[in-house]
């Protein structure tokens, strides 16, 4: 039986454990806003964006796009150094779609980030429909110089839900992007969201089964947040939006963890929402309480990542 101590006391393969094993020390993420847009906002696909996405393109905790990559990096690093004196950094292009720009602009931004002192890795959040061959060539080139992962916003495998949330692409587009990244040996991290409109527990777990069966190195498990000034507010006001309770969310999260292969890195078990923007669910603000409850429940029940993983 797998012992929890294999992941430094955790019952799952956490990002913190993975990074310490890979780099031998504490690694911090510096979240950047490179000033890009999104085809789901600028009219290329649509203008509304995904219905849950904030005005900052899910980069509410990223740097200020008015400043250069170097200044954003230095500003955030200075804040982190007040708490932690030692460690190295991942340059994380978080806000909006970070492969959605001319190739020379992308190269310049990525290389500027990699030039910062003590940066050991590059993380790039994007959409699966924004990975041209030129972009893939650039990512492959950089992956031979530094550690890279690309984050793709899948959210759900249910096509009906994808339409409701205005994701803007079918599952087949994700599959094509995943294959192209895999063919170039570029690490892929997938975002999923629990609690999307109309989804049952089984719908959510079907998404996990899908992710678990693919060549995917990491996953971010998010809770649906209702933020001010997002299109999702309309469903809320119509009374058609139901939120998971804390207990329901923890139950689904733990089930999902057991279904994932043990080598898949879990980057996140719940998302952060700006306190001043969050409408519901309010219980999600107590992040550490949620994480502690997940740990304790898994320990009490003898559960661990990979326990229910199946290749069938």
C-alpha atoms as a PDB file:
ATOM      1  CA  UNK A   1       0.000   0.000   0.000  1.00  0.00           C
ATOM      2  CA  UNK A   2       1.226   3.483  -0.872  1.00  0.00           C
ATOM      3  CA  UNK A   3       2.275   5.456   2.193  1.00  0.00           C
ATOM      4  CA  UNK A   4       1.517   9.143   2.603  1.00  0.00           C
ATOM      5  CA  UNK A   5       5.151   9.850   3.511  1.00  0.00           C
ATOM      6  CA  UNK A   6       6.079   9.278  -0.146  1.00  0.00           C
ATOM      7  CA  UNK A   7       4.862  12.825  -0.807  1.00  0.00           C
ATOM      8  CA  UNK A   8       6.357  14.317   2.333  1.00  0.00           C
ATOM      9  CA  UNK A   9       3.383  13.558   4.537  1.00  0.00           C
ATOM     10  CA  UNK A  10       0.705  14.393   1.968  1.00  0.00           C
ATOM     11  CA  UNK A  11      -1.701  11.871   0.501  1.00  0.00           C
ATOM     12  CA  UNK A  12      -1.281  13.397  -2.930  1.00  0.00           C
ATOM     13  CA  UNK A  13       1.530  14.435  -5.279  1.00  0.00           C
ATOM     14  CA  UNK A  14       1.613  18.162  -4.552  1.00  0.00           C
ATOM     15  CA  UNK A  15       3.339  20.814  -6.646  1.00  0.00           C
ATOM     16  CA  UNK A  16       5.434  21.827  -3.647  1.00  0.00           C
ATOM     17  CA  UNK A  17       6.725  18.261  -3.309  1.00  0.00           C
ATOM     18  CA  UNK A  18       7.404  17.966  -7.033  1.00  0.00           C
ATOM     19  CA  UNK A  19       9.365  21.227  -7.224  1.00  0.00           C
ATOM     20  CA  UNK A  20      11.466  20.451  -4.160  1.00  0.00           C
ATOM     21  CA  UNK A  21      12.312  17.048  -5.588  1.00  0.00           C
ATOM     22  CA  UNK A  22      13.183  18.508  -8.992  1.00  0.00           C
ATOM     23  CA  UNK A  23      15.135  21.583  -7.922  1.00  0.00           C
ATOM     24  CA  UNK A  24      16.267  20.667  -4.413  1.00  0.00           C
ATOM     25  CA  UNK A  25      14.919  23.786  -2.732  1.00  0.00           C
ATOM     26  CA  UNK A  26      11.846  25.964  -2.277  1.00  0.00           C
ATOM     27  CA  UNK A  27      10.467  27.318  -5.552  1.00  0.00           C
ATOM     28  CA  UNK A  28       8.137  30.324  -5.768  1.00  0.00           C
ATOM     29  CA  UNK A  29       5.786  31.308  -8.556  1.00  0.00           C
ATOM     30  CA  UNK A  30       5.875  34.893  -9.836  1.00  0.00           C
ATOM     31  CA  UNK A  31       2.570  35.632 -11.587  1.00  0.00           C
ATOM     32  CA  UNK A  32       2.903  37.991 -14.535  1.00  0.00           C
ATOM     33  CA  UNK A  33       0.551  39.947 -16.782  1.00  0.00           C
ATOM     34  CA  UNK A  34       2.247  40.347 -20.161  1.00  0.00           C
ATOM     35  CA  UNK A  35      -0.462  42.614 -21.563  1.00  0.00           C
ATOM     36  CA  UNK A  36      -2.050  40.050 -23.874  1.00  0.00           C
ATOM     37  CA  UNK A  37      -5.721  39.727 -24.765  1.00  0.00           C
ATOM     38  CA  UNK A  38      -7.919  36.697 -25.478  1.00  0.00           C
ATOM     39  CA  UNK A  39      -9.685  35.623 -28.691  1.00  0.00           C
ATOM     40  CA  UNK A  40     -12.771  34.908 -26.625  1.00  0.00           C
ATOM     41  CA  UNK A  41     -12.876  38.589 -25.647  1.00  0.00           C
ATOM     42  CA  UNK A  42     -11.570  40.592 -28.597  1.00  0.00           C
ATOM     43  CA  UNK A  43     -14.084  39.296 -31.148  1.00  0.00           C
ATOM     44  CA  UNK A  44     -11.929  36.676 -32.864  1.00  0.00           C
ATOM     45  CA  UNK A  45     -14.138  33.995 -31.300  1.00  0.00           C
ATOM     46  CA  UNK A  46     -16.467  36.014 -29.099  1.00  0.00           C
ATOM     47  CA  UNK A  47     -16.564  39.156 -27.010  1.00  0.00           C
ATOM     48  CA  UNK A  48     -17.918  37.954 -23.690  1.00  0.00           C
ATOM     49  CA  UNK A  49     -15.138  35.637 -22.547  1.00  0.00           C
ATOM     50  CA  UNK A  50     -15.766  32.582 -20.401  1.00  0.00           C
ATOM     51  CA  UNK A  51     -18.687  33.477 -18.154  1.00  0.00           C
ATOM     52  CA  UNK A  52     -16.734  33.055 -14.902  1.00  0.00           C
ATOM     53  CA  UNK A  53     -13.580  34.922 -15.984  1.00  0.00           C
ATOM     54  CA  UNK A  54     -12.744  38.169 -14.193  1.00  0.00           C
ATOM     55  CA  UNK A  55     -11.947  41.441 -15.918  1.00  0.00           C
ATOM     56  CA  UNK A  56      -8.251  40.708 -15.384  1.00  0.00           C
ATOM     57  CA  UNK A  57      -8.428  37.476 -17.331  1.00  0.00           C
ATOM     58  CA  UNK A  58      -7.932  35.220 -14.288  1.00  0.00           C
ATOM     59  CA  UNK A  59      -4.835  37.240 -13.432  1.00  0.00           C
ATOM     60  CA  UNK A  60      -6.216  38.996 -10.359  1.00  0.00           C
ATOM     61  CA  UNK A  61      -3.074  38.211  -8.379  1.00  0.00           C
ATOM     62  CA  UNK A  62      -0.629  38.808 -11.228  1.00  0.00           C
ATOM     63  CA  UNK A  63       1.615  41.807 -11.736  1.00  0.00           C
ATOM     64  CA  UNK A  64       0.541  45.141 -13.209  1.00  0.00           C
ATOM     65  CA  UNK A  65       0.425  45.006 -17.025  1.00  0.00           C
ATOM     66  CA  UNK A  66       1.392  48.667 -17.243  1.00  0.00           C
ATOM     67  CA  UNK A  67       4.911  47.654 -16.223  1.00  0.00           C
ATOM     68  CA  UNK A  68       7.572  45.559 -17.926  1.00  0.00           C
ATOM     69  CA  UNK A  69       8.046  41.881 -17.175  1.00  0.00           C
ATOM     70  CA  UNK A  70      11.258  42.752 -15.324  1.00  0.00           C
ATOM     71  CA  UNK A  71       9.598  45.335 -13.067  1.00  0.00           C
ATOM     72  CA  UNK A  72       6.619  43.085 -12.325  1.00  0.00           C
ATOM     73  CA  UNK A  73       9.031  40.303 -11.437  1.00  0.00           C
ATOM     74  CA  UNK A  74      11.118  42.515  -9.147  1.00  0.00           C
ATOM     75  CA  UNK A  75       8.064  43.990  -7.405  1.00  0.00           C
ATOM     76  CA  UNK A  76       6.507  40.599  -6.616  1.00  0.00           C
ATOM     77  CA  UNK A  77       9.859  39.062  -5.693  1.00  0.00           C
ATOM     78  CA  UNK A  78      10.452  41.870  -3.172  1.00  0.00           C
ATOM     79  CA  UNK A  79       7.130  41.098  -1.491  1.00  0.00           C
ATOM     80  CA  UNK A  80       7.931  37.379  -1.331  1.00  0.00           C
ATOM     81  CA  UNK A  81      11.388  38.019   0.075  1.00  0.00           C
ATOM     82  CA  UNK A  82       9.817  39.623   3.132  1.00  0.00           C
ATOM     83  CA  UNK A  83       8.406  36.206   4.061  1.00  0.00           C
ATOM     84  CA  UNK A  84      10.932  33.813   2.528  1.00  0.00           C
ATOM     85  CA  UNK A  85      14.585  34.698   2.130  1.00  0.00           C
ATOM     86  CA  UNK A  86      15.762  31.757   0.062  1.00  0.00           C
ATOM     87  CA  UNK A  87      14.473  30.029  -3.026  1.00  0.00           C
ATOM     88  CA  UNK A  88      14.237  30.222  -6.781  1.00  0.00           C
ATOM     89  CA  UNK A  89      11.411  31.190  -9.115  1.00  0.00           C
ATOM     90  CA  UNK A  90       8.975  30.156 -11.814  1.00  0.00           C
ATOM     91  CA  UNK A  91       7.987  32.930 -14.197  1.00  0.00           C
ATOM     92  CA  UNK A  92       4.249  32.325 -14.563  1.00  0.00           C
ATOM     93  CA  UNK A  93       2.460  34.017 -17.450  1.00  0.00           C
ATOM     94  CA  UNK A  94      -1.007  33.908 -15.918  1.00  0.00           C
ATOM     95  CA  UNK A  95      -3.343  36.653 -17.132  1.00  0.00           C
ATOM     96  CA  UNK A  96      -5.439  36.197 -20.279  1.00  0.00           C
ATOM     97  CA  UNK A  97      -4.101  34.061 -23.172  1.00  0.00           C
ATOM     98  CA  UNK A  98      -0.312  33.945 -23.102  1.00  0.00           C
ATOM     99  CA  UNK A  99       0.348  32.577 -26.574  1.00  0.00           C
ATOM    100  CA  UNK A 100      -2.009  35.047 -28.258  1.00  0.00           C
ATOM    101  CA  UNK A 101       0.377  37.585 -29.751  1.00  0.00           C
ATOM    102  CA  UNK A 102       2.871  37.887 -32.649  1.00  0.00           C
ATOM    103  CA  UNK A 103       5.703  35.396 -32.290  1.00  0.00           C
ATOM    104  CA  UNK A 104       8.379  38.076 -31.862  1.00  0.00           C
ATOM    105  CA  UNK A 105       6.407  39.606 -28.996  1.00  0.00           C
ATOM    106  CA  UNK A 106       6.026  36.230 -27.311  1.00  0.00           C
ATOM    107  CA  UNK A 107       9.732  35.473 -27.668  1.00  0.00           C
ATOM    108  CA  UNK A 108      10.677  38.843 -26.209  1.00  0.00           C
ATOM    109  CA  UNK A 109       8.376  38.468 -23.188  1.00  0.00           C
ATOM    110  CA  UNK A 110       9.388  34.875 -22.433  1.00  0.00           C
ATOM    111  CA  UNK A 111      13.101  35.577 -22.801  1.00  0.00           C
ATOM    112  CA  UNK A 112      12.870  38.667 -20.603  1.00  0.00           C
ATOM    113  CA  UNK A 113      11.303  36.523 -17.888  1.00  0.00           C
ATOM    114  CA  UNK A 114      13.980  33.851 -18.217  1.00  0.00           C
ATOM    115  CA  UNK A 115      16.710  36.483 -17.891  1.00  0.00           C
ATOM    116  CA  UNK A 116      15.576  37.362 -14.359  1.00  0.00           C
ATOM    117  CA  UNK A 117      17.856  36.199 -11.580  1.00  0.00           C
ATOM    118  CA  UNK A 118      17.120  32.737 -10.146  1.00  0.00           C
ATOM    119  CA  UNK A 119      14.332  31.861 -12.625  1.00  0.00           C
ATOM    120  CA  UNK A 120      14.458  28.099 -13.141  1.00  0.00           C
ATOM    121  CA  UNK A 121      11.203  27.464 -15.009  1.00  0.00           C
ATOM    122  CA  UNK A 122       8.556  28.989 -17.229  1.00  0.00           C
ATOM    123  CA  UNK A 123       4.793  28.389 -16.904  1.00  0.00           C
ATOM    124  CA  UNK A 124       2.464  29.611 -19.640  1.00  0.00           C
ATOM    125  CA  UNK A 125      -1.318  29.688 -19.293  1.00  0.00           C
ATOM    126  CA  UNK A 126      -3.196  29.667 -22.600  1.00  0.00           C
ATOM    127  CA  UNK A 127      -6.051  28.264 -24.661  1.00  0.00           C
ATOM    128  CA  UNK A 128      -5.774  25.102 -26.773  1.00  0.00           C
ATOM    129  CA  UNK A 129      -6.957  27.064 -29.827  1.00  0.00           C
ATOM    130  CA  UNK A 130      -4.015  29.480 -29.560  1.00  0.00           C
ATOM    131  CA  UNK A 131      -1.118  27.132 -30.270  1.00  0.00           C
ATOM    132  CA  UNK A 132       0.047  27.699 -33.825  1.00  0.00           C
ATOM    133  CA  UNK A 133       2.979  25.761 -35.219  1.00  0.00           C
ATOM    134  CA  UNK A 134       5.122  28.895 -34.799  1.00  0.00           C
ATOM    135  CA  UNK A 135       4.211  29.072 -31.119  1.00  0.00           C
ATOM    136  CA  UNK A 136       4.847  25.371 -30.670  1.00  0.00           C
ATOM    137  CA  UNK A 137       8.261  25.753 -32.325  1.00  0.00           C
ATOM    138  CA  UNK A 138       9.140  28.521 -29.882  1.00  0.00           C
ATOM    139  CA  UNK A 139       7.944  26.555 -26.865  1.00  0.00           C
ATOM    140  CA  UNK A 140       9.893  23.503 -27.983  1.00  0.00           C
ATOM    141  CA  UNK A 141      13.011  25.611 -28.450  1.00  0.00           C
ATOM    142  CA  UNK A 142      12.701  27.112 -24.966  1.00  0.00           C
ATOM    143  CA  UNK A 143      11.911  23.726 -23.409  1.00  0.00           C
ATOM    144  CA  UNK A 144      15.399  22.585 -24.397  1.00  0.00           C
ATOM    145  CA  UNK A 145      16.898  25.448 -22.379  1.00  0.00           C
ATOM    146  CA  UNK A 146      14.710  25.495 -19.268  1.00  0.00           C
ATOM    147  CA  UNK A 147      11.878  23.614 -17.576  1.00  0.00           C
ATOM    148  CA  UNK A 148       8.513  24.559 -19.102  1.00  0.00           C
ATOM    149  CA  UNK A 149       4.907  23.658 -18.685  1.00  0.00           C
ATOM    150  CA  UNK A 150       1.877  24.909 -20.628  1.00  0.00           C
ATOM    151  CA  UNK A 151      -1.454  25.293 -18.821  1.00  0.00           C
ATOM    152  CA  UNK A 152      -4.606  24.594 -20.817  1.00  0.00           C
ATOM    153  CA  UNK A 153      -8.070  25.606 -19.626  1.00  0.00           C
ATOM    154  CA  UNK A 154     -10.186  22.526 -20.212  1.00  0.00           C
ATOM    155  CA  UNK A 155     -12.627  23.056 -17.291  1.00  0.00           C
ATOM    156  CA  UNK A 156     -14.990  20.260 -18.391  1.00  0.00           C
ATOM    157  CA  UNK A 157     -15.316  17.513 -20.983  1.00  0.00           C
ATOM    158  CA  UNK A 158     -19.084  17.948 -21.212  1.00  0.00           C
ATOM    159  CA  UNK A 159     -19.824  19.789 -24.462  1.00  0.00           C
ATOM    160  CA  UNK A 160     -23.160  21.117 -23.198  1.00  0.00           C
ATOM    161  CA  UNK A 161     -21.425  22.765 -20.251  1.00  0.00           C
ATOM    162  CA  UNK A 162     -18.678  24.123 -22.497  1.00  0.00           C
ATOM    163  CA  UNK A 163     -21.376  25.927 -24.479  1.00  0.00           C
ATOM    164  CA  UNK A 164     -23.029  27.303 -21.354  1.00  0.00           C
ATOM    165  CA  UNK A 165     -19.745  28.724 -20.029  1.00  0.00           C
ATOM    166  CA  UNK A 166     -18.855  30.130 -23.467  1.00  0.00           C
ATOM    167  CA  UNK A 167     -15.543  28.252 -23.581  1.00  0.00           C
ATOM    168  CA  UNK A 168     -15.349  28.830 -27.314  1.00  0.00           C
ATOM    169  CA  UNK A 169     -13.930  25.530 -28.534  1.00  0.00           C
ATOM    170  CA  UNK A 170     -14.977  21.833 -28.689  1.00  0.00           C
ATOM    171  CA  UNK A 171     -13.192  19.003 -26.888  1.00  0.00           C
ATOM    172  CA  UNK A 172     -11.580  17.954 -30.164  1.00  0.00           C
ATOM    173  CA  UNK A 173      -9.585  21.218 -30.179  1.00  0.00           C
ATOM    174  CA  UNK A 174      -8.197  20.414 -26.751  1.00  0.00           C
ATOM    175  CA  UNK A 175      -7.264  16.916 -27.894  1.00  0.00           C
ATOM    176  CA  UNK A 176      -5.416  18.251 -30.930  1.00  0.00           C
ATOM    177  CA  UNK A 177      -3.475  20.764 -28.820  1.00  0.00           C
ATOM    178  CA  UNK A 178      -2.595  18.120 -26.254  1.00  0.00           C
ATOM    179  CA  UNK A 179      -1.248  15.789 -28.936  1.00  0.00           C
ATOM    180  CA  UNK A 180       0.866  18.536 -30.496  1.00  0.00           C
ATOM    181  CA  UNK A 181       2.355  19.455 -27.121  1.00  0.00           C
ATOM    182  CA  UNK A 182       2.971  15.813 -26.250  1.00  0.00           C
ATOM    183  CA  UNK A 183       4.652  15.230 -29.601  1.00  0.00           C
ATOM    184  CA  UNK A 184       7.128  17.971 -28.721  1.00  0.00           C
ATOM    185  CA  UNK A 185       7.647  16.694 -25.159  1.00  0.00           C
ATOM    186  CA  UNK A 186       6.219  19.861 -23.634  1.00  0.00           C
ATOM    187  CA  UNK A 187       4.655  19.343 -20.200  1.00  0.00           C
ATOM    188  CA  UNK A 188       0.922  20.023 -19.989  1.00  0.00           C
ATOM    189  CA  UNK A 189      -1.055  21.116 -16.938  1.00  0.00           C
ATOM    190  CA  UNK A 190      -4.851  21.070 -17.250  1.00  0.00           C
ATOM    191  CA  UNK A 191      -7.383  23.286 -15.457  1.00  0.00           C
ATOM    192  CA  UNK A 192     -10.717  21.835 -14.375  1.00  0.00           C
ATOM    193  CA  UNK A 193     -13.589  23.503 -12.520  1.00  0.00           C
ATOM    194  CA  UNK A 194     -16.037  21.791 -10.168  1.00  0.00           C
ATOM    195  CA  UNK A 195     -19.498  23.265  -9.706  1.00  0.00           C
ATOM    196  CA  UNK A 196     -20.094  24.533 -13.245  1.00  0.00           C
ATOM    197  CA  UNK A 197     -23.753  25.267 -14.124  1.00  0.00           C
ATOM    198  CA  UNK A 198     -25.881  22.138 -14.416  1.00  0.00           C
ATOM    199  CA  UNK A 199     -23.080  19.640 -13.793  1.00  0.00           C
ATOM    200  CA  UNK A 200     -23.627  16.610 -11.579  1.00  0.00           C
ATOM    201  CA  UNK A 201     -20.932  14.952  -9.494  1.00  0.00           C
ATOM    202  CA  UNK A 202     -20.682  12.278 -12.184  1.00  0.00           C
ATOM    203  CA  UNK A 203     -20.133  14.937 -14.874  1.00  0.00           C
ATOM    204  CA  UNK A 204     -17.256  16.378 -12.859  1.00  0.00           C
ATOM    205  CA  UNK A 205     -15.705  12.971 -12.268  1.00  0.00           C
ATOM    206  CA  UNK A 206     -16.044  12.132 -15.973  1.00  0.00           C
ATOM    207  CA  UNK A 207     -13.746  15.090 -16.631  1.00  0.00           C
ATOM    208  CA  UNK A 208     -11.278  13.646 -14.110  1.00  0.00           C
ATOM    209  CA  UNK A 209     -11.452  10.205 -15.764  1.00  0.00           C
ATOM    210  CA  UNK A 210     -10.654  11.858 -19.078  1.00  0.00           C
ATOM    211  CA  UNK A 211      -7.659  13.790 -17.700  1.00  0.00           C
ATOM    212  CA  UNK A 212      -6.370  10.722 -15.850  1.00  0.00           C
ATOM    213  CA  UNK A 213      -6.337   8.715 -19.075  1.00  0.00           C
ATOM    214  CA  UNK A 214      -4.263  11.242 -21.066  1.00  0.00           C
ATOM    215  CA  UNK A 215      -0.599  12.139 -21.212  1.00  0.00           C
ATOM    216  CA  UNK A 216      -0.893  15.068 -18.845  1.00  0.00           C
ATOM    217  CA  UNK A 217       1.758  15.950 -16.275  1.00  0.00           C
ATOM    218  CA  UNK A 218      -0.302  18.099 -13.909  1.00  0.00           C
ATOM    219  CA  UNK A 219      -3.766  19.294 -12.971  1.00  0.00           C
ATOM    220  CA  UNK A 220      -5.342  22.289 -11.282  1.00  0.00           C
ATOM    221  CA  UNK A 221      -8.638  21.549  -9.550  1.00  0.00           C
ATOM    222  CA  UNK A 222     -10.735  24.679  -9.141  1.00  0.00           C
ATOM    223  CA  UNK A 223     -14.018  25.547  -7.472  1.00  0.00           C
ATOM    224  CA  UNK A 224     -16.432  27.729  -9.446  1.00  0.00           C
ATOM    225  CA  UNK A 225     -16.293  31.254  -8.056  1.00  0.00           C
ATOM    226  CA  UNK A 226     -18.929  33.867  -8.758  1.00  0.00           C
ATOM    227  CA  UNK A 227     -17.115  37.174  -9.155  1.00  0.00           C
ATOM    228  CA  UNK A 228     -18.585  40.636  -9.535  1.00  0.00           C
ATOM    229  CA  UNK A 229     -18.911  42.016 -13.061  1.00  0.00           C
ATOM    230  CA  UNK A 230     -18.720  38.634 -14.802  1.00  0.00           C
ATOM    231  CA  UNK A 231     -21.373  37.215 -17.171  1.00  0.00           C
ATOM    232  CA  UNK A 232     -22.000  34.465 -14.602  1.00  0.00           C
ATOM    233  CA  UNK A 233     -23.778  37.030 -12.416  1.00  0.00           C
ATOM    234  CA  UNK A 234     -26.727  36.952 -14.827  1.00  0.00           C
ATOM    235  CA  UNK A 235     -27.382  33.255 -14.087  1.00  0.00           C
ATOM    236  CA  UNK A 236     -27.070  34.005 -10.385  1.00  0.00           C
ATOM    237  CA  UNK A 237     -29.653  36.777 -10.540  1.00  0.00           C
ATOM    238  CA  UNK A 238     -31.992  34.515 -12.511  1.00  0.00           C
ATOM    239  CA  UNK A 239     -31.787  31.992  -9.669  1.00  0.00           C
ATOM    240  CA  UNK A 240     -30.502  29.196 -11.916  1.00  0.00           C
ATOM    241  CA  UNK A 241     -27.032  28.913 -10.407  1.00  0.00           C
ATOM    242  CA  UNK A 242     -26.411  26.498  -7.541  1.00  0.00           C
ATOM    243  CA  UNK A 243     -23.152  26.337  -5.622  1.00  0.00           C
ATOM    244  CA  UNK A 244     -21.459  23.345  -4.085  1.00  0.00           C
ATOM    245  CA  UNK A 245     -21.333  23.277  -0.315  1.00  0.00           C
ATOM    246  CA  UNK A 246     -17.966  22.989   1.356  1.00  0.00           C
ATOM    247  CA  UNK A 247     -18.728  19.371   2.246  1.00  0.00           C
ATOM    248  CA  UNK A 248     -19.780  18.507  -1.324  1.00  0.00           C
ATOM    249  CA  UNK A 249     -16.667  20.100  -2.770  1.00  0.00           C
ATOM    250  CA  UNK A 250     -14.298  18.293  -0.407  1.00  0.00           C
ATOM    251  CA  UNK A 251     -16.027  14.989  -1.174  1.00  0.00           C
ATOM    252  CA  UNK A 252     -15.645  15.467  -4.934  1.00  0.00           C
ATOM    253  CA  UNK A 253     -12.048  16.664  -4.600  1.00  0.00           C
ATOM    254  CA  UNK A 254     -11.021  13.636  -2.550  1.00  0.00           C
ATOM    255  CA  UNK A 255     -12.731  11.251  -4.969  1.00  0.00           C
ATOM    256  CA  UNK A 256     -10.952  12.978  -7.855  1.00  0.00           C
ATOM    257  CA  UNK A 257      -7.555  12.698  -6.141  1.00  0.00           C
ATOM    258  CA  UNK A 258      -7.940   8.946  -5.728  1.00  0.00           C
ATOM    259  CA  UNK A 259      -8.751   8.615  -9.453  1.00  0.00           C
ATOM    260  CA  UNK A 260      -5.623  10.418 -10.682  1.00  0.00           C
ATOM    261  CA  UNK A 261      -2.415   8.528 -11.460  1.00  0.00           C
ATOM    262  CA  UNK A 262       0.216   8.858  -8.744  1.00  0.00           C
ATOM    263  CA  UNK A 263       2.736  10.514 -11.072  1.00  0.00           C
ATOM    264  CA  UNK A 264       0.389  13.380 -12.003  1.00  0.00           C
ATOM    265  CA  UNK A 265       1.291  16.541 -10.098  1.00  0.00           C
ATOM    266  CA  UNK A 266      -1.613  18.284  -8.372  1.00  0.00           C
ATOM    267  CA  UNK A 267      -0.903  21.989  -8.714  1.00  0.00           C
ATOM    268  CA  UNK A 268      -4.025  23.203  -6.940  1.00  0.00           C
ATOM    269  CA  UNK A 269      -6.938  21.833  -4.940  1.00  0.00           C
ATOM    270  CA  UNK A 270      -8.968  25.020  -4.745  1.00  0.00           C
ATOM    271  CA  UNK A 271      -8.659  28.426  -6.341  1.00  0.00           C
ATOM    272  CA  UNK A 272      -8.133  31.851  -4.827  1.00  0.00           C
ATOM    273  CA  UNK A 273     -10.687  34.581  -5.400  1.00  0.00           C
ATOM    274  CA  UNK A 274     -10.173  38.266  -4.573  1.00  0.00           C
ATOM    275  CA  UNK A 275     -12.146  38.947  -1.410  1.00  0.00           C
ATOM    276  CA  UNK A 276     -13.485  42.222  -2.804  1.00  0.00           C
ATOM    277  CA  UNK A 277     -14.850  40.509  -5.932  1.00  0.00           C
ATOM    278  CA  UNK A 278     -16.201  37.222  -4.566  1.00  0.00           C
ATOM    279  CA  UNK A 279     -19.989  36.922  -4.337  1.00  0.00           C
ATOM    280  CA  UNK A 280     -20.290  33.150  -3.748  1.00  0.00           C
ATOM    281  CA  UNK A 281     -19.430  30.710  -2.269  1.00  0.00           C
ATOM    282  CA  UNK A 282     -18.170  32.637   0.757  1.00  0.00           C
ATOM    283  CA  UNK A 283     -16.853  29.505   2.473  1.00  0.00           C
ATOM    284  CA  UNK A 284     -14.171  29.293  -0.214  1.00  0.00           C
ATOM    285  CA  UNK A 285     -12.324  32.213   1.374  1.00  0.00           C
ATOM    286  CA  UNK A 286     -11.140  29.882   4.160  1.00  0.00           C
ATOM    287  CA  UNK A 287      -8.615  28.201   1.903  1.00  0.00           C
ATOM    288  CA  UNK A 288      -6.365  26.667   4.546  1.00  0.00           C
ATOM    289  CA  UNK A 289      -9.348  25.279   6.421  1.00  0.00           C
ATOM    290  CA  UNK A 290     -10.458  23.522   3.214  1.00  0.00           C
ATOM    291  CA  UNK A 291      -6.974  22.124   2.531  1.00  0.00           C
ATOM    292  CA  UNK A 292      -6.639  20.921   6.127  1.00  0.00           C
ATOM    293  CA  UNK A 293     -10.040  19.209   5.938  1.00  0.00           C
ATOM    294  CA  UNK A 294      -8.979  17.438   2.723  1.00  0.00           C
ATOM    295  CA  UNK A 295      -5.765  16.225   4.364  1.00  0.00           C
ATOM    296  CA  UNK A 296      -7.519  15.050   7.529  1.00  0.00           C
ATOM    297  CA  UNK A 297     -10.344  13.251   5.714  1.00  0.00           C
ATOM    298  CA  UNK A 298      -7.924  11.410   3.437  1.00  0.00           C
ATOM    299  CA  UNK A 299      -5.789  10.417   6.406  1.00  0.00           C
ATOM    300  CA  UNK A 300      -8.788   9.242   8.445  1.00  0.00           C
ATOM    301  CA  UNK A 301     -10.171   7.174   5.572  1.00  0.00           C
ATOM    302  CA  UNK A 302      -6.842   5.809   4.373  1.00  0.00           C
ATOM    303  CA  UNK A 303      -7.225   7.394   0.941  1.00  0.00           C
ATOM    304  CA  UNK A 304      -4.432   8.520  -1.374  1.00  0.00           C
ATOM    305  CA  UNK A 305      -3.783   9.593  -4.941  1.00  0.00           C
ATOM    306  CA  UNK A 306      -3.876   6.690  -7.364  1.00  0.00           C
ATOM    307  CA  UNK A 307      -5.948   4.415  -5.122  1.00  0.00           C
ATOM    308  CA  UNK A 308      -8.792   4.241  -7.652  1.00  0.00           C
ATOM    309  CA  UNK A 309      -6.780   5.012 -10.778  1.00  0.00           C
ATOM    310  CA  UNK A 310      -7.627   2.731 -13.679  1.00  0.00           C
ATOM    311  CA  UNK A 311      -6.215   2.492 -17.188  1.00  0.00           C
ATOM    312  CA  UNK A 312      -9.435   0.953 -18.482  1.00  0.00           C
END
